[in-house]
């Protein structure tokens, strides 16, 4: 029995030795380690890290803003050019002018005073028309302002001084282009009811003129409304 107890004691001491060795090994492997010197500072102030990281992004914002501004300016430039092209395509055509000249609403203002009609037309449409104070061939009778597809058009009614039955209309609108001085040839057009009309067109300054007269009357006489006698060139 004594020998048995001694054997058990030796086994127990062996197991304790193994346990002590394992515990020592674990303590060695799991011992505390020293952290980097700056880690605690970063933990205490995380905002500093975020600010440092966001630095390059902040520098990009002014560049992005400038690029957006340049893109907006380019877009506005293209839009203005497109509007300019649209204005040129909305000029009245001969059929519209003939219909306007034949409109039953003859005049908004009846007057034979050129100065009064000039002032009235400019106040209503912004169109400046130079009318001679007197013409022995043509007498002006009144004016009207209308809009044709967004373009303001002034209508001046006239009649021949020696024959009041010969009547016509001078239509004036802004060309939207650089000032020019040009005369155009006469052309035949048809009114709203199929009546044959004569039309003469010309440009002077920033304005375009079209004189429309019924068959039997001469639209060329209307040129004397804006040109001195003998120099209208048509």
Protein backbone atom coordinates (compact mmCIF):
# COMPACT_ATOMS: atom_id res chain seq x y z
CA UNK A 1 0.00 0.00 0.00
CA UNK A 2 2.83 2.35 0.76
CA UNK A 3 4.34 1.74 -2.63
CA UNK A 4 0.98 2.48 -4.29
CA UNK A 5 0.63 5.79 -2.50
CA UNK A 6 4.12 6.79 -3.47
CA UNK A 7 3.35 6.06 -7.12
CA UNK A 8 0.23 8.16 -7.00
CA UNK A 9 2.18 10.98 -5.41
CA UNK A 10 4.78 10.89 -8.16
CA UNK A 11 2.04 11.04 -10.83
CA UNK A 12 0.40 14.02 -9.10
CA UNK A 13 3.70 15.86 -8.91
CA UNK A 14 4.23 15.18 -12.62
CA UNK A 15 0.86 16.60 -13.52
CA UNK A 16 1.46 19.70 -11.44
CA UNK A 17 4.75 20.21 -13.22
CA UNK A 18 3.05 20.04 -16.60
CA UNK A 19 0.36 22.51 -15.45
CA UNK A 20 2.96 24.95 -14.19
CA UNK A 21 4.81 24.76 -17.52
CA UNK A 22 1.63 25.43 -19.53
CA UNK A 23 0.66 28.33 -17.32
CA UNK A 24 4.13 29.84 -17.66
CA UNK A 25 4.00 29.45 -21.45
CA UNK A 26 0.58 31.10 -21.69
CA UNK A 27 1.75 33.97 -19.49
CA UNK A 28 4.74 34.47 -21.77
CA UNK A 29 2.68 34.46 -24.96
CA UNK A 30 -0.19 36.60 -23.63
CA UNK A 31 1.87 39.16 -21.79
CA UNK A 32 0.91 42.84 -22.21
CA UNK A 33 2.57 44.66 -25.11
CA UNK A 34 3.37 48.34 -25.43
CA UNK A 35 1.16 50.40 -27.77
CA UNK A 36 2.57 52.92 -30.32
CA UNK A 37 3.30 56.29 -28.78
CA UNK A 38 0.74 58.19 -30.87
CA UNK A 39 -2.15 55.74 -30.48
CA UNK A 40 -3.48 57.21 -27.27
CA UNK A 41 -3.38 60.72 -28.77
CA UNK A 42 -5.42 59.57 -31.76
CA UNK A 43 -7.95 57.84 -29.50
CA UNK A 44 -8.33 60.95 -27.37
CA UNK A 45 -8.83 63.30 -30.39
CA UNK A 46 -10.46 61.45 -33.33
CA UNK A 47 -11.55 64.78 -34.86
CA UNK A 48 -7.95 65.59 -35.62
CA UNK A 49 -7.69 62.45 -37.71
CA UNK A 50 -10.87 63.27 -39.59
CA UNK A 51 -9.72 66.82 -40.27
CA UNK A 52 -6.42 65.58 -41.59
CA UNK A 53 -8.19 63.09 -43.84
CA UNK A 54 -10.65 65.70 -45.20
CA UNK A 55 -7.92 68.15 -46.18
CA UNK A 56 -7.56 67.05 -49.82
CA UNK A 57 -11.36 66.99 -50.26
CA UNK A 58 -11.64 70.57 -49.04
CA UNK A 59 -8.99 71.63 -51.51
CA UNK A 60 -11.05 70.11 -54.35
CA UNK A 61 -14.21 72.14 -53.63
CA UNK A 62 -12.92 75.46 -55.10
CA UNK A 63 -11.83 73.63 -58.24
CA UNK A 64 -15.25 71.98 -58.57
CA UNK A 65 -16.98 75.35 -58.06
CA UNK A 66 -14.89 77.00 -60.80
CA UNK A 67 -15.63 74.16 -63.22
CA UNK A 68 -19.36 74.43 -62.51
CA UNK A 69 -19.23 78.20 -63.09
CA UNK A 70 -17.43 77.77 -66.41
CA UNK A 71 -19.97 75.16 -67.48
CA UNK A 72 -22.84 77.53 -66.59
CA UNK A 73 -21.29 80.39 -68.58
CA UNK A 74 -20.83 78.13 -71.58
CA UNK A 75 -24.45 76.95 -71.30
CA UNK A 76 -25.72 80.54 -71.16
CA UNK A 77 -23.63 81.43 -74.22
CA UNK A 78 -25.05 78.52 -76.20
CA UNK A 79 -28.56 79.45 -75.06
CA UNK A 80 -28.11 83.07 -76.19
CA UNK A 81 -26.89 81.92 -79.60
CA UNK A 82 -29.89 79.62 -79.89
CA UNK A 83 -32.22 82.50 -79.01
CA UNK A 84 -30.52 84.65 -81.64
CA UNK A 85 -31.14 82.00 -84.25
CA UNK A 86 -34.75 81.73 -83.13
CA UNK A 87 -35.27 85.47 -83.52
CA UNK A 88 -34.05 85.30 -87.09
CA UNK A 89 -36.48 82.51 -87.92
CA UNK A 90 -39.50 84.43 -86.57
CA UNK A 91 -39.35 87.28 -89.11
CA UNK A 92 -42.76 87.90 -90.74
CA UNK A 93 -43.22 86.25 -94.12
CA UNK A 94 -44.99 87.85 -97.14
CA UNK A 95 -48.27 86.01 -96.52
CA UNK A 96 -48.41 87.22 -92.91
CA UNK A 97 -47.60 90.77 -93.97
CA UNK A 98 -50.31 90.71 -96.63
CA UNK A 99 -52.85 89.45 -94.08
CA UNK A 100 -51.82 92.16 -91.63
CA UNK A 101 -52.11 94.86 -94.30
CA UNK A 102 -55.59 93.64 -95.25
CA UNK A 103 -56.79 93.46 -91.64
CA UNK A 104 -60.18 95.11 -91.06
CA UNK A 105 -58.71 96.76 -87.95
CA UNK A 106 -57.21 99.49 -90.05
CA UNK A 107 -55.69 101.84 -87.45
CA UNK A 108 -55.34 102.27 -83.71
CA UNK A 109 -54.53 105.93 -84.23
CA UNK A 110 -55.89 108.03 -87.09
CA UNK A 111 -53.70 111.01 -87.88
CA UNK A 112 -51.93 112.65 -90.80
CA UNK A 113 -49.31 114.24 -88.53
CA UNK A 114 -45.99 112.39 -89.14
CA UNK A 115 -44.40 113.63 -85.90
CA UNK A 116 -47.34 112.43 -83.82
CA UNK A 117 -47.38 109.03 -85.53
CA UNK A 118 -43.61 108.62 -85.07
CA UNK A 119 -43.91 109.26 -81.34
CA UNK A 120 -46.92 106.96 -80.97
CA UNK A 121 -45.31 104.04 -82.86
CA UNK A 122 -42.10 104.31 -80.82
CA UNK A 123 -44.00 104.35 -77.51
CA UNK A 124 -46.02 101.26 -78.48
CA UNK A 125 -43.36 99.14 -80.21
CA UNK A 126 -39.93 100.70 -79.69
CA UNK A 127 -39.60 101.08 -83.48
CA UNK A 128 -38.16 104.39 -84.65
CA UNK A 129 -39.39 105.56 -88.04
CA UNK A 130 -38.24 108.72 -89.79
CA UNK A 131 -41.15 110.24 -91.68
CA UNK A 132 -40.85 113.37 -93.86
CA UNK A 133 -42.96 116.29 -92.74
CA UNK A 134 -44.61 116.51 -96.15
CA UNK A 135 -44.91 114.51 -99.37
CA UNK A 136 -46.71 115.72 -102.46
CA UNK A 137 -47.29 112.14 -103.67
CA UNK A 138 -48.40 110.28 -100.53
CA UNK A 139 -50.51 111.16 -97.54
CA UNK A 140 -50.34 109.12 -94.33
CA UNK A 141 -53.67 108.47 -92.60
CA UNK A 142 -52.95 106.46 -89.43
CA UNK A 143 -51.01 103.71 -87.69
CA UNK A 144 -51.44 100.42 -85.89
CA UNK A 145 -49.13 98.09 -83.91
CA UNK A 146 -49.51 94.30 -83.92
CA UNK A 147 -47.45 91.22 -83.00
CA UNK A 148 -46.57 88.54 -85.56
CA UNK A 149 -45.07 85.41 -83.91
CA UNK A 150 -43.39 87.48 -81.23
CA UNK A 151 -42.21 90.29 -83.54
CA UNK A 152 -43.67 93.76 -83.11
CA UNK A 153 -44.85 95.16 -86.46
CA UNK A 154 -45.98 98.76 -87.02
CA UNK A 155 -48.50 99.41 -89.80
CA UNK A 156 -48.73 102.83 -91.44
CA UNK A 157 -51.75 103.43 -93.68
CA UNK A 158 -51.32 105.73 -96.68
CA UNK A 159 -53.17 106.94 -99.73
CA UNK A 160 -52.10 108.63 -102.94
CA UNK A 161 -52.33 112.39 -102.68
CA UNK A 162 -53.97 112.73 -106.12
CA UNK A 163 -56.34 109.75 -105.75
CA UNK A 164 -57.66 108.77 -102.33
CA UNK A 165 -58.95 105.46 -103.68
CA UNK A 166 -55.36 104.26 -104.12
CA UNK A 167 -54.49 103.06 -100.64
CA UNK A 168 -51.89 100.82 -99.09
CA UNK A 169 -49.94 99.93 -95.98
CA UNK A 170 -46.30 100.25 -94.96
CA UNK A 171 -45.25 97.62 -92.42
CA UNK A 172 -42.12 98.17 -90.32
CA UNK A 173 -40.32 95.82 -87.91
CA UNK A 174 -36.84 95.41 -86.47
CA UNK A 175 -34.62 92.98 -88.33
CA UNK A 176 -32.60 91.92 -85.26
CA UNK A 177 -29.40 92.17 -87.34
CA UNK A 178 -26.71 94.79 -87.92
CA UNK A 179 -27.99 98.05 -89.47
CA UNK A 180 -28.03 97.90 -93.27
CA UNK A 181 -29.37 99.96 -96.15
CA UNK A 182 -30.83 97.82 -98.91
CA UNK A 183 -33.67 98.00 -101.39
CA UNK A 184 -35.55 94.96 -102.57
CA UNK A 185 -37.47 94.22 -105.73
CA UNK A 186 -41.25 94.23 -105.82
CA UNK A 187 -43.14 90.95 -105.68
CA UNK A 188 -46.69 89.76 -106.15
CA UNK A 189 -48.51 88.34 -103.13
CA UNK A 190 -52.07 87.39 -102.32
CA UNK A 191 -54.23 88.81 -99.57
CA UNK A 192 -56.35 86.87 -97.09
CA UNK A 193 -59.28 86.78 -99.54
CA UNK A 194 -57.21 85.94 -102.61
CA UNK A 195 -56.93 89.54 -103.80
CA UNK A 196 -53.82 90.33 -105.80
CA UNK A 197 -51.43 92.64 -103.96
CA UNK A 198 -48.16 94.31 -104.80
CA UNK A 199 -45.39 94.31 -102.21
CA UNK A 200 -42.13 96.25 -102.17
CA UNK A 201 -39.58 95.64 -99.42
CA UNK A 202 -36.42 97.44 -98.33
CA UNK A 203 -34.14 97.77 -95.30
CA UNK A 204 -32.94 100.95 -93.67
CA UNK A 205 -30.88 101.03 -90.48
CA UNK A 206 -32.14 98.31 -88.13
CA UNK A 207 -35.64 98.33 -89.64
CA UNK A 208 -37.20 96.32 -92.43
CA UNK A 209 -40.00 97.91 -94.48
CA UNK A 210 -42.65 96.30 -96.65
CA UNK A 211 -45.14 98.37 -98.63
CA UNK A 212 -48.31 96.53 -99.61
CA UNK A 213 -50.87 97.95 -102.04
CA UNK A 214 -54.05 96.53 -103.56
CA UNK A 215 -54.26 95.78 -107.27
CA UNK A 216 -54.41 99.02 -109.22
CA UNK A 217 -52.46 100.99 -106.60
CA UNK A 218 -48.68 101.28 -106.52
CA UNK A 219 -46.79 100.11 -103.46
CA UNK A 220 -43.77 102.02 -104.76
CA UNK A 221 -45.41 105.28 -103.77
CA UNK A 222 -45.21 104.18 -100.14
CA UNK A 223 -41.43 104.46 -100.34
CA UNK A 224 -41.94 108.22 -100.28
CA UNK A 225 -43.15 107.91 -96.69
CA UNK A 226 -39.57 107.26 -95.56
CA UNK A 227 -37.46 108.55 -98.47
CA UNK A 228 -37.25 112.05 -99.94
CA UNK A 229 -38.92 112.31 -103.33
CA UNK A 230 -36.74 111.15 -106.18
CA UNK A 231 -34.21 109.27 -104.00
CA UNK A 232 -36.09 106.13 -102.99
CA UNK A 233 -34.18 104.13 -105.60
CA UNK A 234 -36.89 101.62 -106.50
